[in-house]
C-alpha cells in the first residue's frame, strides 16, 4: 500500500470540515481522516520493538517494586535505579522521562505473568493427562480477564493516573499495541483457534471488555473488587448483543467504506471508548488507532503467540 501524505493532506487541509465521502481514492480518504485526528502515523509504521537495553531492563524491573508506594513516576525509576546499583543520572537512559516506559513495562510484564500462570496450570488446572480441560473458551476468557485485572489491585490507586498518561496522543500507539497484544494472548491462552474473520471480531470483543473493566476498576470500592467481577461477567454475556450505531452517519460510512468493517466491529470500538469516558477528541484517536491495530493483527493471523 502506498503511503499517503503530503499531496492528499494538502488537498484536504483546504477543507477540513465534514468527511468527504466522494474521495477519489482510499489514499485521499485516509489523508482526510489523519487530518481530523482519527488515524495517525501508526497506520503506516510498526509499533516499537518490545526491547530494552540491559540497563533499562534492570532499572524498570527494580522500579516496579516501588509503584505501589509512589506510582508510575520518575521517583519510582530513581529508586529502582538505586536498587539496581545505578546512579540517579542513569535516568537519562529514558529520554522522555520514563513514566510511559514504566507503564509499558508493567503491562508487558503482567502479560508475561499471565502466560506463566496459565502454562503452570495455576489458572485452569490440569486433567490427569496433563491437559487443560473442563472449561469452555468463554469461561477461560473470563478467568484470564479477571486474573489480569487482579494484578492491578496492588497499584490501583495509581492506575487512573497511568490511564491518563496512556491516553495522551503521543502515547496512544504503544497503549493500543499493548491492549491488542493482551487480547491476542487471552484468546490464545483460552485455546481459541478461530482462523476466519471471527478471530479478530473476538479480539475486539475481549479488548472492549478489558478496557472498559480496566477503567471501571479504578472507581470500584466494593470488597475484593466484586463489582468489577460482576461488571466483566455482565459485559462478556452481553458483548455479542451490542448493536450500537455511530452517531455521525458520515463518519460511520466513511470508515466502513475505508476498512470494509461491519457495524458490529465499529460498535465495539465506540462502546470501548464511551465506557472508558474519553472525551470526543480522545475517542476519535483511540478507536481509529484501535481498529488499525486489530486489522493489522488479523493480517498477522494471530498476533503475538
C-alpha atoms as a PDB file:
ATOM      1  CA  UNK A   1       0.000   0.000   0.000  1.00  0.00           C
ATOM      2  CA  UNK A   2       1.371   3.366  -0.960  1.00  0.00           C
ATOM      3  CA  UNK A   3       1.820   5.717   1.940  1.00  0.00           C
ATOM      4  CA  UNK A   4      -0.484   8.686   1.893  1.00  0.00           C
ATOM      5  CA  UNK A   5       0.769  12.036   2.920  1.00  0.00           C
ATOM      6  CA  UNK A   6       1.722  15.424   1.525  1.00  0.00           C
ATOM      7  CA  UNK A   7      -0.292  15.588  -1.694  1.00  0.00           C
ATOM      8  CA  UNK A   8      -3.514  14.262  -0.245  1.00  0.00           C
ATOM      9  CA  UNK A   9      -3.036  16.053   3.074  1.00  0.00           C
ATOM     10  CA  UNK A  10      -2.598  19.425   1.370  1.00  0.00           C
ATOM     11  CA  UNK A  11      -5.726  18.832  -0.655  1.00  0.00           C
ATOM     12  CA  UNK A  12      -7.875  18.088   2.369  1.00  0.00           C
ATOM     13  CA  UNK A  13      -6.235  20.727   4.547  1.00  0.00           C
ATOM     14  CA  UNK A  14      -8.093  23.301   2.460  1.00  0.00           C
ATOM     15  CA  UNK A  15     -11.412  21.840   3.571  1.00  0.00           C
ATOM     16  CA  UNK A  16     -11.105  20.149   6.986  1.00  0.00           C
ATOM     17  CA  UNK A  17     -14.869  20.062   7.534  1.00  0.00           C
ATOM     18  CA  UNK A  18     -17.248  17.117   7.246  1.00  0.00           C
ATOM     19  CA  UNK A  19     -15.990  13.805   5.959  1.00  0.00           C
ATOM     20  CA  UNK A  20     -15.853  13.775   2.159  1.00  0.00           C
ATOM     21  CA  UNK A  21     -17.495  10.542   1.079  1.00  0.00           C
ATOM     22  CA  UNK A  22     -16.646  11.268  -2.550  1.00  0.00           C
ATOM     23  CA  UNK A  23     -12.921  10.974  -2.086  1.00  0.00           C
ATOM     24  CA  UNK A  24     -11.300   9.921  -5.323  1.00  0.00           C
ATOM     25  CA  UNK A  25      -9.224   7.238  -3.642  1.00  0.00           C
ATOM     26  CA  UNK A  26      -8.670   5.453  -0.367  1.00  0.00           C
ATOM     27  CA  UNK A  27      -5.420   7.383  -0.037  1.00  0.00           C
ATOM     28  CA  UNK A  28      -7.342  10.647  -0.074  1.00  0.00           C
ATOM     29  CA  UNK A  29      -9.839   9.356   2.461  1.00  0.00           C
ATOM     30  CA  UNK A  30      -7.028   8.221   4.732  1.00  0.00           C
ATOM     31  CA  UNK A  31      -5.415  11.640   4.486  1.00  0.00           C
ATOM     32  CA  UNK A  32      -8.671  13.299   5.468  1.00  0.00           C
ATOM     33  CA  UNK A  33      -9.032  11.010   8.447  1.00  0.00           C
ATOM     34  CA  UNK A  34      -5.468  11.740   9.503  1.00  0.00           C
ATOM     35  CA  UNK A  35      -6.060  15.474   9.465  1.00  0.00           C
ATOM     36  CA  UNK A  36      -9.159  15.018  11.596  1.00  0.00           C
ATOM     37  CA  UNK A  37      -7.242  13.027  14.174  1.00  0.00           C
ATOM     38  CA  UNK A  38      -8.787   9.598  13.676  1.00  0.00           C
ATOM     39  CA  UNK A  39      -5.636   7.856  12.488  1.00  0.00           C
ATOM     40  CA  UNK A  40      -2.011   8.835  12.933  1.00  0.00           C
ATOM     41  CA  UNK A  41       1.355   7.608  11.781  1.00  0.00           C
ATOM     42  CA  UNK A  42       0.917   4.249  13.479  1.00  0.00           C
ATOM     43  CA  UNK A  43      -1.196   3.326  10.454  1.00  0.00           C
ATOM     44  CA  UNK A  44       1.950   3.210   8.360  1.00  0.00           C
ATOM     45  CA  UNK A  45       4.550   2.209  10.915  1.00  0.00           C
ATOM     46  CA  UNK A  46       5.132  -0.821  13.073  1.00  0.00           C
ATOM     47  CA  UNK A  47       4.999  -0.221  16.846  1.00  0.00           C
ATOM     48  CA  UNK A  48       8.315  -0.028  18.691  1.00  0.00           C
ATOM     49  CA  UNK A  49      10.028  -3.337  19.333  1.00  0.00           C
ATOM     50  CA  UNK A  50       9.483  -4.840  22.780  1.00  0.00           C
ATOM     51  CA  UNK A  51      13.149  -4.469  23.699  1.00  0.00           C
ATOM     52  CA  UNK A  52      15.113  -2.624  26.343  1.00  0.00           C
ATOM     53  CA  UNK A  53      18.810  -2.318  26.952  1.00  0.00           C
ATOM     54  CA  UNK A  54      20.124  -4.419  29.862  1.00  0.00           C
ATOM     55  CA  UNK A  55      20.470  -1.238  31.924  1.00  0.00           C
ATOM     56  CA  UNK A  56      16.916  -0.128  31.182  1.00  0.00           C
ATOM     57  CA  UNK A  57      15.547  -3.578  31.993  1.00  0.00           C
ATOM     58  CA  UNK A  58      17.378  -3.661  35.318  1.00  0.00           C
ATOM     59  CA  UNK A  59      16.064  -0.238  36.326  1.00  0.00           C
ATOM     60  CA  UNK A  60      12.498  -0.904  35.183  1.00  0.00           C
ATOM     61  CA  UNK A  61      12.397  -4.301  36.860  1.00  0.00           C
ATOM     62  CA  UNK A  62      13.514  -2.782  40.158  1.00  0.00           C
ATOM     63  CA  UNK A  63      11.252   0.258  39.765  1.00  0.00           C
ATOM     64  CA  UNK A  64       8.154  -1.957  39.566  1.00  0.00           C
ATOM     65  CA  UNK A  65       8.590  -2.728  43.268  1.00  0.00           C
ATOM     66  CA  UNK A  66       8.109   0.962  44.104  1.00  0.00           C
ATOM     67  CA  UNK A  67       4.960   1.533  42.036  1.00  0.00           C
ATOM     68  CA  UNK A  68       2.526   0.606  44.859  1.00  0.00           C
ATOM     69  CA  UNK A  69       4.038   3.343  47.012  1.00  0.00           C
ATOM     70  CA  UNK A  70       4.912   6.189  44.629  1.00  0.00           C
ATOM     71  CA  UNK A  71       3.153   5.287  41.374  1.00  0.00           C
ATOM     72  CA  UNK A  72       4.314   5.321  37.772  1.00  0.00           C
ATOM     73  CA  UNK A  73       6.664   8.228  38.336  1.00  0.00           C
ATOM     74  CA  UNK A  74      10.268   9.248  37.916  1.00  0.00           C
ATOM     75  CA  UNK A  75      10.560   8.734  41.678  1.00  0.00           C
ATOM     76  CA  UNK A  76       9.919   5.014  41.165  1.00  0.00           C
ATOM     77  CA  UNK A  77      12.550   4.966  38.447  1.00  0.00           C
ATOM     78  CA  UNK A  78      15.061   6.780  40.647  1.00  0.00           C
ATOM     79  CA  UNK A  79      14.532   4.310  43.481  1.00  0.00           C
ATOM     80  CA  UNK A  80      14.702   1.443  41.012  1.00  0.00           C
ATOM     81  CA  UNK A  81      17.984   2.718  39.615  1.00  0.00           C
ATOM     82  CA  UNK A  82      19.468   2.864  43.099  1.00  0.00           C
ATOM     83  CA  UNK A  83      18.224  -0.641  43.891  1.00  0.00           C
ATOM     84  CA  UNK A  84      19.819  -1.900  40.684  1.00  0.00           C
ATOM     85  CA  UNK A  85      23.131  -0.268  41.567  1.00  0.00           C
ATOM     86  CA  UNK A  86      22.954   2.696  39.203  1.00  0.00           C
ATOM     87  CA  UNK A  87      23.400   6.400  39.867  1.00  0.00           C
ATOM     88  CA  UNK A  88      20.427   8.754  39.664  1.00  0.00           C
ATOM     89  CA  UNK A  89      21.880  10.220  36.488  1.00  0.00           C
ATOM     90  CA  UNK A  90      21.158   6.897  34.771  1.00  0.00           C
ATOM     91  CA  UNK A  91      17.573   8.096  34.292  1.00  0.00           C
ATOM     92  CA  UNK A  92      18.957   9.807  31.210  1.00  0.00           C
ATOM     93  CA  UNK A  93      18.562   6.374  29.653  1.00  0.00           C
ATOM     94  CA  UNK A  94      14.871   7.329  29.396  1.00  0.00           C
ATOM     95  CA  UNK A  95      14.841  10.493  27.236  1.00  0.00           C
ATOM     96  CA  UNK A  96      11.093  11.072  27.656  1.00  0.00           C
ATOM     97  CA  UNK A  97      11.189  10.921  31.437  1.00  0.00           C
ATOM     98  CA  UNK A  98      10.450   7.230  31.732  1.00  0.00           C
ATOM     99  CA  UNK A  99       6.876   7.276  33.051  1.00  0.00           C
ATOM    100  CA  UNK A 100       5.433   5.726  29.889  1.00  0.00           C
ATOM    101  CA  UNK A 101       8.322   3.265  29.755  1.00  0.00           C
ATOM    102  CA  UNK A 102       7.437   2.147  33.258  1.00  0.00           C
ATOM    103  CA  UNK A 103       3.752   1.802  32.375  1.00  0.00           C
ATOM    104  CA  UNK A 104       4.583  -0.203  29.269  1.00  0.00           C
ATOM    105  CA  UNK A 105       6.979  -2.396  31.232  1.00  0.00           C
ATOM    106  CA  UNK A 106       4.228  -3.054  33.767  1.00  0.00           C
ATOM    107  CA  UNK A 107       1.788  -4.051  31.023  1.00  0.00           C
ATOM    108  CA  UNK A 108       4.248  -6.353  29.302  1.00  0.00           C
ATOM    109  CA  UNK A 109       5.481  -7.991  32.491  1.00  0.00           C
ATOM    110  CA  UNK A 110       1.903  -8.667  33.644  1.00  0.00           C
ATOM    111  CA  UNK A 111       1.163 -10.303  30.300  1.00  0.00           C
ATOM    112  CA  UNK A 112       4.181 -12.490  30.886  1.00  0.00           C
ATOM    113  CA  UNK A 113       2.902 -13.428  34.326  1.00  0.00           C
ATOM    114  CA  UNK A 114      -0.487 -14.307  32.841  1.00  0.00           C
ATOM    115  CA  UNK A 115       1.138 -16.621  30.313  1.00  0.00           C
ATOM    116  CA  UNK A 116       3.257 -18.248  33.011  1.00  0.00           C
ATOM    117  CA  UNK A 117       0.297 -18.823  35.326  1.00  0.00           C
ATOM    118  CA  UNK A 118      -1.639 -20.436  32.502  1.00  0.00           C
ATOM    119  CA  UNK A 119       1.280 -22.616  31.470  1.00  0.00           C
ATOM    120  CA  UNK A 120       1.808 -23.828  35.042  1.00  0.00           C
ATOM    121  CA  UNK A 121      -1.835 -24.856  35.369  1.00  0.00           C
ATOM    122  CA  UNK A 122      -2.453 -22.384  38.175  1.00  0.00           C
ATOM    123  CA  UNK A 123      -5.430 -20.746  36.478  1.00  0.00           C
ATOM    124  CA  UNK A 124      -7.354 -23.575  34.848  1.00  0.00           C
ATOM    125  CA  UNK A 125      -5.943 -26.673  36.499  1.00  0.00           C
ATOM    126  CA  UNK A 126      -4.909 -29.800  34.634  1.00  0.00           C
ATOM    127  CA  UNK A 127      -6.615 -33.054  33.821  1.00  0.00           C
ATOM    128  CA  UNK A 128      -4.981 -36.358  34.670  1.00  0.00           C
ATOM    129  CA  UNK A 129      -3.376 -36.439  31.239  1.00  0.00           C
ATOM    130  CA  UNK A 130      -1.816 -33.060  31.846  1.00  0.00           C
ATOM    131  CA  UNK A 131      -4.233 -31.288  29.538  1.00  0.00           C
ATOM    132  CA  UNK A 132      -6.353 -28.296  30.390  1.00  0.00           C
ATOM    133  CA  UNK A 133      -9.932 -29.482  30.429  1.00  0.00           C
ATOM    134  CA  UNK A 134     -13.449 -28.944  31.651  1.00  0.00           C
ATOM    135  CA  UNK A 135     -13.728 -25.257  30.779  1.00  0.00           C
ATOM    136  CA  UNK A 136     -15.136 -23.617  27.678  1.00  0.00           C
ATOM    137  CA  UNK A 137     -13.258 -20.919  25.791  1.00  0.00           C
ATOM    138  CA  UNK A 138     -15.677 -18.340  27.192  1.00  0.00           C
ATOM    139  CA  UNK A 139     -15.062 -19.478  30.767  1.00  0.00           C
ATOM    140  CA  UNK A 140     -11.313 -19.324  30.248  1.00  0.00           C
ATOM    141  CA  UNK A 141     -11.562 -15.828  28.786  1.00  0.00           C
ATOM    142  CA  UNK A 142     -13.452 -14.714  31.893  1.00  0.00           C
ATOM    143  CA  UNK A 143     -10.834 -16.238  34.195  1.00  0.00           C
ATOM    144  CA  UNK A 144      -7.974 -14.669  32.238  1.00  0.00           C
ATOM    145  CA  UNK A 145      -9.506 -11.192  32.191  1.00  0.00           C
ATOM    146  CA  UNK A 146     -10.236 -11.322  35.920  1.00  0.00           C
ATOM    147  CA  UNK A 147      -6.743 -12.610  36.689  1.00  0.00           C
ATOM    148  CA  UNK A 148      -5.147  -9.826  34.667  1.00  0.00           C
ATOM    149  CA  UNK A 149      -7.292  -7.225  36.416  1.00  0.00           C
ATOM    150  CA  UNK A 150      -6.383  -8.750  39.773  1.00  0.00           C
ATOM    151  CA  UNK A 151      -2.740  -7.979  39.039  1.00  0.00           C
ATOM    152  CA  UNK A 152      -3.632  -4.281  39.148  1.00  0.00           C
ATOM    153  CA  UNK A 153      -5.029  -4.416  42.674  1.00  0.00           C
ATOM    154  CA  UNK A 154      -1.736  -3.514  44.329  1.00  0.00           C
ATOM    155  CA  UNK A 155      -1.297  -0.413  42.190  1.00  0.00           C
ATOM    156  CA  UNK A 156      -4.946   0.532  41.651  1.00  0.00           C
ATOM    157  CA  UNK A 157      -4.668   3.884  43.436  1.00  0.00           C
ATOM    158  CA  UNK A 158      -2.143   4.945  40.784  1.00  0.00           C
ATOM    159  CA  UNK A 159      -3.791   3.306  37.785  1.00  0.00           C
ATOM    160  CA  UNK A 160      -6.143   6.144  36.930  1.00  0.00           C
ATOM    161  CA  UNK A 161      -3.143   8.447  36.529  1.00  0.00           C
ATOM    162  CA  UNK A 162      -1.469   5.789  34.393  1.00  0.00           C
ATOM    163  CA  UNK A 163      -4.535   5.557  32.153  1.00  0.00           C
ATOM    164  CA  UNK A 164      -4.487   9.325  31.749  1.00  0.00           C
ATOM    165  CA  UNK A 165      -0.836   9.160  30.675  1.00  0.00           C
ATOM    166  CA  UNK A 166      -1.620   6.353  28.237  1.00  0.00           C
ATOM    167  CA  UNK A 167      -4.425   8.366  26.625  1.00  0.00           C
ATOM    168  CA  UNK A 168      -2.144  11.255  25.655  1.00  0.00           C
ATOM    169  CA  UNK A 169      -1.870  11.489  21.848  1.00  0.00           C
ATOM    170  CA  UNK A 170       1.835  10.651  21.726  1.00  0.00           C
ATOM    171  CA  UNK A 171       1.306   7.605  23.986  1.00  0.00           C
ATOM    172  CA  UNK A 172      -1.721   6.132  22.247  1.00  0.00           C
ATOM    173  CA  UNK A 173       0.195   3.940  19.800  1.00  0.00           C
ATOM    174  CA  UNK A 174       2.089   1.870  22.422  1.00  0.00           C
ATOM    175  CA  UNK A 175      -1.011   1.807  24.624  1.00  0.00           C
ATOM    176  CA  UNK A 176      -3.196   0.369  21.881  1.00  0.00           C
ATOM    177  CA  UNK A 177      -0.440  -2.020  20.860  1.00  0.00           C
ATOM    178  CA  UNK A 178      -0.396  -3.421  24.394  1.00  0.00           C
ATOM    179  CA  UNK A 179      -4.190  -3.765  24.512  1.00  0.00           C
ATOM    180  CA  UNK A 180      -4.032  -5.559  21.185  1.00  0.00           C
ATOM    181  CA  UNK A 181      -1.321  -7.922  22.439  1.00  0.00           C
ATOM    182  CA  UNK A 182      -3.233  -8.656  25.642  1.00  0.00           C
ATOM    183  CA  UNK A 183      -6.435  -9.552  23.812  1.00  0.00           C
ATOM    184  CA  UNK A 184      -4.451 -11.842  21.489  1.00  0.00           C
ATOM    185  CA  UNK A 185      -2.787 -13.504  24.466  1.00  0.00           C
ATOM    186  CA  UNK A 186      -6.093 -14.031  26.246  1.00  0.00           C
ATOM    187  CA  UNK A 187      -7.702 -15.740  23.257  1.00  0.00           C
ATOM    188  CA  UNK A 188      -4.623 -17.848  22.629  1.00  0.00           C
ATOM    189  CA  UNK A 189      -4.353 -18.896  26.282  1.00  0.00           C
ATOM    190  CA  UNK A 190      -8.085 -19.663  26.279  1.00  0.00           C
ATOM    191  CA  UNK A 191      -7.354 -22.114  23.456  1.00  0.00           C
ATOM    192  CA  UNK A 192      -9.395 -20.249  20.868  1.00  0.00           C
ATOM    193  CA  UNK A 193      -8.378 -21.461  17.414  1.00  0.00           C
ATOM    194  CA  UNK A 194     -10.521 -19.232  15.202  1.00  0.00           C
ATOM    195  CA  UNK A 195      -8.871 -18.565  11.848  1.00  0.00           C
ATOM    196  CA  UNK A 196     -11.632 -16.742   9.969  1.00  0.00           C
ATOM    197  CA  UNK A 197     -12.959 -13.221  10.413  1.00  0.00           C
ATOM    198  CA  UNK A 198     -14.485 -14.187  13.761  1.00  0.00           C
ATOM    199  CA  UNK A 199     -10.971 -14.263  15.216  1.00  0.00           C
ATOM    200  CA  UNK A 200     -10.441 -10.526  15.055  1.00  0.00           C
ATOM    201  CA  UNK A 201     -14.064  -9.821  15.997  1.00  0.00           C
ATOM    202  CA  UNK A 202     -13.492 -11.855  19.164  1.00  0.00           C
ATOM    203  CA  UNK A 203     -10.278  -9.957  19.692  1.00  0.00           C
ATOM    204  CA  UNK A 204     -12.163  -6.684  19.522  1.00  0.00           C
ATOM    205  CA  UNK A 205     -14.707  -8.046  21.985  1.00  0.00           C
ATOM    206  CA  UNK A 206     -12.070  -9.055  24.513  1.00  0.00           C
ATOM    207  CA  UNK A 207     -10.298  -5.714  24.160  1.00  0.00           C
ATOM    208  CA  UNK A 208     -13.545  -3.827  24.620  1.00  0.00           C
ATOM    209  CA  UNK A 209     -14.483  -5.712  27.765  1.00  0.00           C
ATOM    210  CA  UNK A 210     -10.997  -5.463  29.244  1.00  0.00           C
ATOM    211  CA  UNK A 211     -10.533  -1.759  28.503  1.00  0.00           C
ATOM    212  CA  UNK A 212     -13.942  -0.972  29.973  1.00  0.00           C
ATOM    213  CA  UNK A 213     -13.282  -3.045  33.090  1.00  0.00           C
ATOM    214  CA  UNK A 214      -9.825  -1.519  33.447  1.00  0.00           C
ATOM    215  CA  UNK A 215     -11.387   1.905  33.864  1.00  0.00           C
ATOM    216  CA  UNK A 216     -14.358   0.650  35.904  1.00  0.00           C
ATOM    217  CA  UNK A 217     -11.995  -0.909  38.429  1.00  0.00           C
ATOM    218  CA  UNK A 218     -10.351   2.423  39.236  1.00  0.00           C
ATOM    219  CA  UNK A 219     -13.674   3.595  40.698  1.00  0.00           C
ATOM    220  CA  UNK A 220     -14.634   0.293  42.350  1.00  0.00           C
ATOM    221  CA  UNK A 221     -14.833   0.485  46.156  1.00  0.00           C
ATOM    222  CA  UNK A 222     -16.613  -2.838  46.683  1.00  0.00           C
ATOM    223  CA  UNK A 223     -14.979  -5.521  48.875  1.00  0.00           C
ATOM    224  CA  UNK A 224     -12.484  -7.530  46.858  1.00  0.00           C
ATOM    225  CA  UNK A 225     -13.466  -5.584  43.732  1.00  0.00           C
ATOM    226  CA  UNK A 226     -16.577  -7.751  43.484  1.00  0.00           C
ATOM    227  CA  UNK A 227     -18.351  -5.088  41.434  1.00  0.00           C
ATOM    228  CA  UNK A 228     -15.614  -5.284  38.807  1.00  0.00           C
ATOM    229  CA  UNK A 229     -16.043  -9.046  38.569  1.00  0.00           C
ATOM    230  CA  UNK A 230     -19.791  -8.645  38.093  1.00  0.00           C
ATOM    231  CA  UNK A 231     -19.151  -5.939  35.512  1.00  0.00           C
ATOM    232  CA  UNK A 232     -16.858  -8.220  33.486  1.00  0.00           C
ATOM    233  CA  UNK A 233     -19.322 -11.114  33.653  1.00  0.00           C
ATOM    234  CA  UNK A 234     -22.108  -8.837  32.500  1.00  0.00           C
ATOM    235  CA  UNK A 235     -20.052  -7.367  29.671  1.00  0.00           C
ATOM    236  CA  UNK A 236     -18.960 -10.765  28.390  1.00  0.00           C
ATOM    237  CA  UNK A 237     -22.516 -12.068  28.401  1.00  0.00           C
ATOM    238  CA  UNK A 238     -23.786  -9.005  26.549  1.00  0.00           C
ATOM    239  CA  UNK A 239     -20.939  -8.361  24.151  1.00  0.00           C
ATOM    240  CA  UNK A 240     -22.466 -10.332  21.262  1.00  0.00           C
ATOM    241  CA  UNK A 241     -25.686  -8.371  21.626  1.00  0.00           C
ATOM    242  CA  UNK A 242     -24.096  -4.965  21.160  1.00  0.00           C
ATOM    243  CA  UNK A 243     -25.760  -3.243  18.211  1.00  0.00           C
ATOM    244  CA  UNK A 244     -24.957   0.400  18.844  1.00  0.00           C
ATOM    245  CA  UNK A 245     -24.506   2.668  15.858  1.00  0.00           C
ATOM    246  CA  UNK A 246     -22.249   5.657  15.415  1.00  0.00           C
ATOM    247  CA  UNK A 247     -23.942   8.987  15.935  1.00  0.00           C
ATOM    248  CA  UNK A 248     -22.204  10.525  12.958  1.00  0.00           C
ATOM    249  CA  UNK A 249     -23.506   8.647   9.910  1.00  0.00           C
ATOM    250  CA  UNK A 250     -20.982  10.199   7.574  1.00  0.00           C
ATOM    251  CA  UNK A 251     -18.098   9.141   9.758  1.00  0.00           C
ATOM    252  CA  UNK A 252     -19.504   5.638  10.057  1.00  0.00           C
ATOM    253  CA  UNK A 253     -19.998   5.248   6.321  1.00  0.00           C
ATOM    254  CA  UNK A 254     -16.584   6.702   5.586  1.00  0.00           C
ATOM    255  CA  UNK A 255     -14.763   4.390   7.981  1.00  0.00           C
ATOM    256  CA  UNK A 256     -16.779   1.406   6.838  1.00  0.00           C
ATOM    257  CA  UNK A 257     -16.019   2.137   3.206  1.00  0.00           C
ATOM    258  CA  UNK A 258     -12.346   2.513   4.046  1.00  0.00           C
ATOM    259  CA  UNK A 259     -11.950  -0.644   6.093  1.00  0.00           C
ATOM    260  CA  UNK A 260     -14.803  -2.822   4.882  1.00  0.00           C
ATOM    261  CA  UNK A 261     -15.791  -3.095   8.531  1.00  0.00           C
ATOM    262  CA  UNK A 262     -19.071  -4.342   9.919  1.00  0.00           C
ATOM    263  CA  UNK A 263     -21.342  -2.248  12.103  1.00  0.00           C
ATOM    264  CA  UNK A 264     -20.760  -4.667  14.981  1.00  0.00           C
ATOM    265  CA  UNK A 265     -16.991  -4.254  14.816  1.00  0.00           C
ATOM    266  CA  UNK A 266     -17.183  -0.468  14.798  1.00  0.00           C
ATOM    267  CA  UNK A 267     -19.714  -0.538  17.618  1.00  0.00           C
ATOM    268  CA  UNK A 268     -17.243  -2.441  19.772  1.00  0.00           C
ATOM    269  CA  UNK A 269     -14.726   0.336  19.282  1.00  0.00           C
ATOM    270  CA  UNK A 270     -17.108   3.139  20.110  1.00  0.00           C
ATOM    271  CA  UNK A 271     -18.510   1.280  23.110  1.00  0.00           C
ATOM    272  CA  UNK A 272     -14.997   0.801  24.432  1.00  0.00           C
ATOM    273  CA  UNK A 273     -14.167   4.492  24.323  1.00  0.00           C
ATOM    274  CA  UNK A 274     -17.566   5.623  25.569  1.00  0.00           C
ATOM    275  CA  UNK A 275     -17.351   3.333  28.562  1.00  0.00           C
ATOM    276  CA  UNK A 276     -13.806   4.470  29.258  1.00  0.00           C
ATOM    277  CA  UNK A 277     -15.069   8.038  29.500  1.00  0.00           C
ATOM    278  CA  UNK A 278     -12.724   9.561  26.926  1.00  0.00           C
ATOM    279  CA  UNK A 279     -13.595  12.969  25.562  1.00  0.00           C
ATOM    280  CA  UNK A 280     -14.601  13.349  21.935  1.00  0.00           C
ATOM    281  CA  UNK A 281     -11.114  14.037  20.607  1.00  0.00           C
ATOM    282  CA  UNK A 282      -9.592  11.127  22.511  1.00  0.00           C
ATOM    283  CA  UNK A 283     -12.378   8.825  21.308  1.00  0.00           C
ATOM    284  CA  UNK A 284     -11.601   9.639  17.699  1.00  0.00           C
ATOM    285  CA  UNK A 285      -7.907   8.959  18.143  1.00  0.00           C
ATOM    286  CA  UNK A 286      -8.463   5.890  20.298  1.00  0.00           C
ATOM    287  CA  UNK A 287     -10.866   3.928  18.160  1.00  0.00           C
ATOM    288  CA  UNK A 288      -9.097   4.885  14.951  1.00  0.00           C
ATOM    289  CA  UNK A 289      -5.836   3.534  16.307  1.00  0.00           C
ATOM    290  CA  UNK A 290      -7.585   0.561  17.874  1.00  0.00           C
ATOM    291  CA  UNK A 291      -9.143  -0.512  14.608  1.00  0.00           C
ATOM    292  CA  UNK A 292      -5.817  -0.147  12.849  1.00  0.00           C
ATOM    293  CA  UNK A 293      -4.114  -2.261  15.484  1.00  0.00           C
ATOM    294  CA  UNK A 294      -6.657  -5.057  15.260  1.00  0.00           C
ATOM    295  CA  UNK A 295      -6.871  -5.189  11.494  1.00  0.00           C
ATOM    296  CA  UNK A 296      -3.080  -5.390  11.383  1.00  0.00           C
ATOM    297  CA  UNK A 297      -3.263  -8.196  13.927  1.00  0.00           C
ATOM    298  CA  UNK A 298      -5.775 -10.060  11.773  1.00  0.00           C
ATOM    299  CA  UNK A 299      -3.412  -9.830   8.831  1.00  0.00           C
ATOM    300  CA  UNK A 300      -0.664 -11.288  11.017  1.00  0.00           C
ATOM    301  CA  UNK A 301      -3.011 -14.235  11.767  1.00  0.00           C
ATOM    302  CA  UNK A 302      -2.911 -14.378  15.479  1.00  0.00           C
ATOM    303  CA  UNK A 303      -0.655 -11.675  16.755  1.00  0.00           C
ATOM    304  CA  UNK A 304       1.846 -12.465  19.476  1.00  0.00           C
ATOM    305  CA  UNK A 305       1.784 -16.096  20.392  1.00  0.00           C
END
